[in-house]
Structures are given as structure tokens and as C-alpha cells.
């Protein structure tokens, strides 16, 4: 059973930066896409960023709301995906969930809270 463990959330003032990490437990599996979603209070979960498999080029894709501010990256040796968040805004507040496709199965992290104060 694959488990995704997130870290790095917290409270930050607007304009600040945070870095989220998400590591998949275990070894010997093939991780394809990795990504991040967030859920703001009272809203549906929304796509934030995705990084494709390194073997297919590792292309990235971002939601318009975070382009130019957030950067997704992956370390396949550590089975880890990162989300560097710069120039944070109060509207970035929410629970951030990582997402991975491992051996063609979809897995989600438990979520980590990010709160941005104005």
C-alpha cells in the first residue's frame, strides 16, 4: 500500500514563501504524474500544478491563478514532489493535497494546511 505524506504547510504573511513536500512511502514502484490540488474553505478542490513523468519529459502545468508564483518539481530518487510557493496571497489559503499516479493507481495525501494572512 502506497502512502503519501505531506509536510511544509503553515501560516505565512502575504508576500512570503512556503515549500510543500510530499513523499511516497515504499519503493520499487513506477510513479507517473505528480501534482498538487488545494481546497479553500467552502469551495471544491481545485487543480494547482502537475509534473509529468520524467521518462516522458517531465513537463509541468499550472493553474492560471498560480502561474509565475508557484513551481512544482520532483525527485524520483526520493519519490517526492515539491511545491515552491512564492509571493503568497490570502486567496492561496486552503488545504493542499498532493497527488500521484503510482503503478497506474491514483493516490492522495492527507492534506496540509496553508494559511496566508493579509
C-alpha atoms as a PDB file:
ATOM      1  CA  UNK A   1       0.000   0.000   0.000  1.00  0.00           C
ATOM      2  CA  UNK A   2       1.396   3.371  -1.016  1.00  0.00           C
ATOM      3  CA  UNK A   3       1.033   6.278   1.380  1.00  0.00           C
ATOM      4  CA  UNK A   4       1.689   9.903   0.592  1.00  0.00           C
ATOM      5  CA  UNK A   5       2.942  12.074   3.436  1.00  0.00           C
ATOM      6  CA  UNK A   6       2.891  15.837   3.079  1.00  0.00           C
ATOM      7  CA  UNK A   7       4.807  18.448   5.016  1.00  0.00           C
ATOM      8  CA  UNK A   8       5.651  22.122   4.884  1.00  0.00           C
ATOM      9  CA  UNK A   9       2.337  23.849   5.407  1.00  0.00           C
ATOM     10  CA  UNK A  10       1.797  26.600   7.931  1.00  0.00           C
ATOM     11  CA  UNK A  11       0.974  30.239   8.481  1.00  0.00           C
ATOM     12  CA  UNK A  12       2.616  32.896   6.343  1.00  0.00           C
ATOM     13  CA  UNK A  13       2.121  36.582   5.691  1.00  0.00           C
ATOM     14  CA  UNK A  14       1.146  37.740   2.231  1.00  0.00           C
ATOM     15  CA  UNK A  15       4.179  38.059   0.006  1.00  0.00           C
ATOM     16  CA  UNK A  16       6.031  35.296   1.780  1.00  0.00           C
ATOM     17  CA  UNK A  17       7.079  31.852   0.624  1.00  0.00           C
ATOM     18  CA  UNK A  18       6.458  28.270   1.638  1.00  0.00           C
ATOM     19  CA  UNK A  19       7.669  24.964   0.281  1.00  0.00           C
ATOM     20  CA  UNK A  20       5.485  21.890   0.426  1.00  0.00           C
ATOM     21  CA  UNK A  21       6.816  18.360   0.155  1.00  0.00           C
ATOM     22  CA  UNK A  22       5.067  15.079  -0.456  1.00  0.00           C
ATOM     23  CA  UNK A  23       6.833  11.749  -0.210  1.00  0.00           C
ATOM     24  CA  UNK A  24       5.505   8.371  -1.239  1.00  0.00           C
ATOM     25  CA  UNK A  25       6.322   5.547   1.123  1.00  0.00           C
ATOM     26  CA  UNK A  26       7.782   2.319  -0.183  1.00  0.00           C
ATOM     27  CA  UNK A  27       9.982   1.536  -3.145  1.00  0.00           C
ATOM     28  CA  UNK A  28      10.162  -0.338  -6.369  1.00  0.00           C
ATOM     29  CA  UNK A  29       7.177   1.322  -7.962  1.00  0.00           C
ATOM     30  CA  UNK A  30       6.720   3.477 -11.015  1.00  0.00           C
ATOM     31  CA  UNK A  31       5.425   6.968 -10.297  1.00  0.00           C
ATOM     32  CA  UNK A  32       3.986   8.681 -13.308  1.00  0.00           C
ATOM     33  CA  UNK A  33       2.365  12.088 -12.836  1.00  0.00           C
ATOM     34  CA  UNK A  34       2.662  14.005  -9.582  1.00  0.00           C
ATOM     35  CA  UNK A  35       0.622  17.016  -8.675  1.00  0.00           C
ATOM     36  CA  UNK A  36      -0.939  19.351  -6.164  1.00  0.00           C
ATOM     37  CA  UNK A  37      -4.513  20.402  -5.556  1.00  0.00           C
ATOM     38  CA  UNK A  38      -5.979  22.689  -2.948  1.00  0.00           C
ATOM     39  CA  UNK A  39      -9.316  23.161  -1.265  1.00  0.00           C
ATOM     40  CA  UNK A  40     -10.249  26.543   0.103  1.00  0.00           C
ATOM     41  CA  UNK A  41     -12.884  26.842   2.832  1.00  0.00           C
ATOM     42  CA  UNK A  42     -16.331  26.323   1.372  1.00  0.00           C
ATOM     43  CA  UNK A  43     -15.005  25.556  -2.095  1.00  0.00           C
ATOM     44  CA  UNK A  44     -14.331  22.499  -4.189  1.00  0.00           C
ATOM     45  CA  UNK A  45     -10.882  21.016  -4.568  1.00  0.00           C
ATOM     46  CA  UNK A  46      -9.061  22.682  -7.455  1.00  0.00           C
ATOM     47  CA  UNK A  47      -6.050  21.815  -9.580  1.00  0.00           C
ATOM     48  CA  UNK A  48      -2.862  23.742  -8.812  1.00  0.00           C
ATOM     49  CA  UNK A  49       0.089  22.101 -10.578  1.00  0.00           C
ATOM     50  CA  UNK A  50       1.206  18.898 -12.264  1.00  0.00           C
ATOM     51  CA  UNK A  51       4.542  17.446 -13.314  1.00  0.00           C
ATOM     52  CA  UNK A  52       4.619  14.582 -15.792  1.00  0.00           C
ATOM     53  CA  UNK A  53       6.808  11.513 -15.597  1.00  0.00           C
ATOM     54  CA  UNK A  54      10.497  12.194 -16.080  1.00  0.00           C
ATOM     55  CA  UNK A  55      10.626   9.474 -18.717  1.00  0.00           C
ATOM     56  CA  UNK A  56       8.165  11.439 -20.837  1.00  0.00           C
ATOM     57  CA  UNK A  57       9.942  14.742 -20.396  1.00  0.00           C
ATOM     58  CA  UNK A  58       8.731  15.925 -17.008  1.00  0.00           C
ATOM     59  CA  UNK A  59       6.589  18.733 -18.413  1.00  0.00           C
ATOM     60  CA  UNK A  60       4.734  20.940 -15.969  1.00  0.00           C
ATOM     61  CA  UNK A  61       1.314  22.522 -15.973  1.00  0.00           C
ATOM     62  CA  UNK A  62      -0.127  25.182 -13.663  1.00  0.00           C
ATOM     63  CA  UNK A  63      -3.424  26.758 -12.838  1.00  0.00           C
ATOM     64  CA  UNK A  64      -3.613  30.318 -14.116  1.00  0.00           C
ATOM     65  CA  UNK A  65      -4.004  31.602 -10.557  1.00  0.00           C
ATOM     66  CA  UNK A  66      -0.514  30.403  -9.566  1.00  0.00           C
ATOM     67  CA  UNK A  67       1.493  30.753 -12.778  1.00  0.00           C
ATOM     68  CA  UNK A  68       4.696  32.678 -12.221  1.00  0.00           C
ATOM     69  CA  UNK A  69       4.448  32.292  -8.433  1.00  0.00           C
ATOM     70  CA  UNK A  70       4.440  28.537  -7.790  1.00  0.00           C
ATOM     71  CA  UNK A  71       6.921  25.953  -9.050  1.00  0.00           C
ATOM     72  CA  UNK A  72       6.388  22.198  -8.985  1.00  0.00           C
ATOM     73  CA  UNK A  73       9.327  19.813  -9.091  1.00  0.00           C
ATOM     74  CA  UNK A  74      10.018  16.149  -8.442  1.00  0.00           C
ATOM     75  CA  UNK A  75      12.832  13.996  -7.125  1.00  0.00           C
ATOM     76  CA  UNK A  76      12.296  10.486  -8.390  1.00  0.00           C
ATOM     77  CA  UNK A  77      15.123   9.088  -6.267  1.00  0.00           C
ATOM     78  CA  UNK A  78      13.182  10.189  -3.190  1.00  0.00           C
ATOM     79  CA  UNK A  79       9.690   9.537  -4.590  1.00  0.00           C
ATOM     80  CA  UNK A  80       8.944  13.127  -3.657  1.00  0.00           C
ATOM     81  CA  UNK A  81       7.152  16.050  -5.231  1.00  0.00           C
ATOM     82  CA  UNK A  82       7.623  19.644  -4.128  1.00  0.00           C
ATOM     83  CA  UNK A  83       5.645  22.827  -4.486  1.00  0.00           C
ATOM     84  CA  UNK A  84       7.576  26.056  -4.036  1.00  0.00           C
ATOM     85  CA  UNK A  85       5.101  28.833  -3.361  1.00  0.00           C
ATOM     86  CA  UNK A  86       6.300  32.424  -3.657  1.00  0.00           C
ATOM     87  CA  UNK A  87       4.504  35.756  -3.464  1.00  0.00           C
ATOM     88  CA  UNK A  88       1.752  34.137  -1.451  1.00  0.00           C
ATOM     89  CA  UNK A  89      -1.656  35.788  -1.393  1.00  0.00           C
ATOM     90  CA  UNK A  90      -4.521  35.423   1.108  1.00  0.00           C
ATOM     91  CA  UNK A  91      -6.508  33.644  -1.616  1.00  0.00           C
ATOM     92  CA  UNK A  92      -3.867  30.886  -1.593  1.00  0.00           C
ATOM     93  CA  UNK A  93      -5.211  29.816   1.792  1.00  0.00           C
ATOM     94  CA  UNK A  94      -6.511  26.266   1.878  1.00  0.00           C
ATOM     95  CA  UNK A  95      -5.677  22.635   2.409  1.00  0.00           C
ATOM     96  CA  UNK A  96      -3.121  21.436  -0.102  1.00  0.00           C
ATOM     97  CA  UNK A  97      -3.264  17.835  -1.265  1.00  0.00           C
ATOM     98  CA  UNK A  98      -0.584  16.031  -3.209  1.00  0.00           C
ATOM     99  CA  UNK A  99      -1.488  13.506  -5.833  1.00  0.00           C
ATOM    100  CA  UNK A 100       0.441  10.743  -7.540  1.00  0.00           C
ATOM    101  CA  UNK A 101      -0.219   8.057 -10.087  1.00  0.00           C
ATOM    102  CA  UNK A 102       1.723   5.062  -8.817  1.00  0.00           C
ATOM    103  CA  UNK A 103       1.723   1.841 -10.819  1.00  0.00           C
ATOM    104  CA  UNK A 104      -1.337   3.200 -12.660  1.00  0.00           C
ATOM    105  CA  UNK A 105      -3.266   3.732  -9.403  1.00  0.00           C
ATOM    106  CA  UNK A 106      -4.259   7.134  -8.052  1.00  0.00           C
ATOM    107  CA  UNK A 107      -3.219   8.194  -4.556  1.00  0.00           C
ATOM    108  CA  UNK A 108      -3.836  11.297  -2.456  1.00  0.00           C
ATOM    109  CA  UNK A 109      -2.057  12.738   0.532  1.00  0.00           C
ATOM    110  CA  UNK A 110      -3.903  13.628   3.712  1.00  0.00           C
ATOM    111  CA  UNK A 111      -3.580  17.351   3.099  1.00  0.00           C
ATOM    112  CA  UNK A 112      -1.576  20.113   4.717  1.00  0.00           C
ATOM    113  CA  UNK A 113      -2.997  23.465   5.774  1.00  0.00           C
ATOM    114  CA  UNK A 114      -1.616  26.668   4.287  1.00  0.00           C
ATOM    115  CA  UNK A 115      -2.874  29.946   5.727  1.00  0.00           C
ATOM    116  CA  UNK A 116      -1.830  33.269   4.253  1.00  0.00           C
ATOM    117  CA  UNK A 117      -2.617  36.369   6.281  1.00  0.00           C
ATOM    118  CA  UNK A 118      -3.020  39.816   4.785  1.00  0.00           C
END
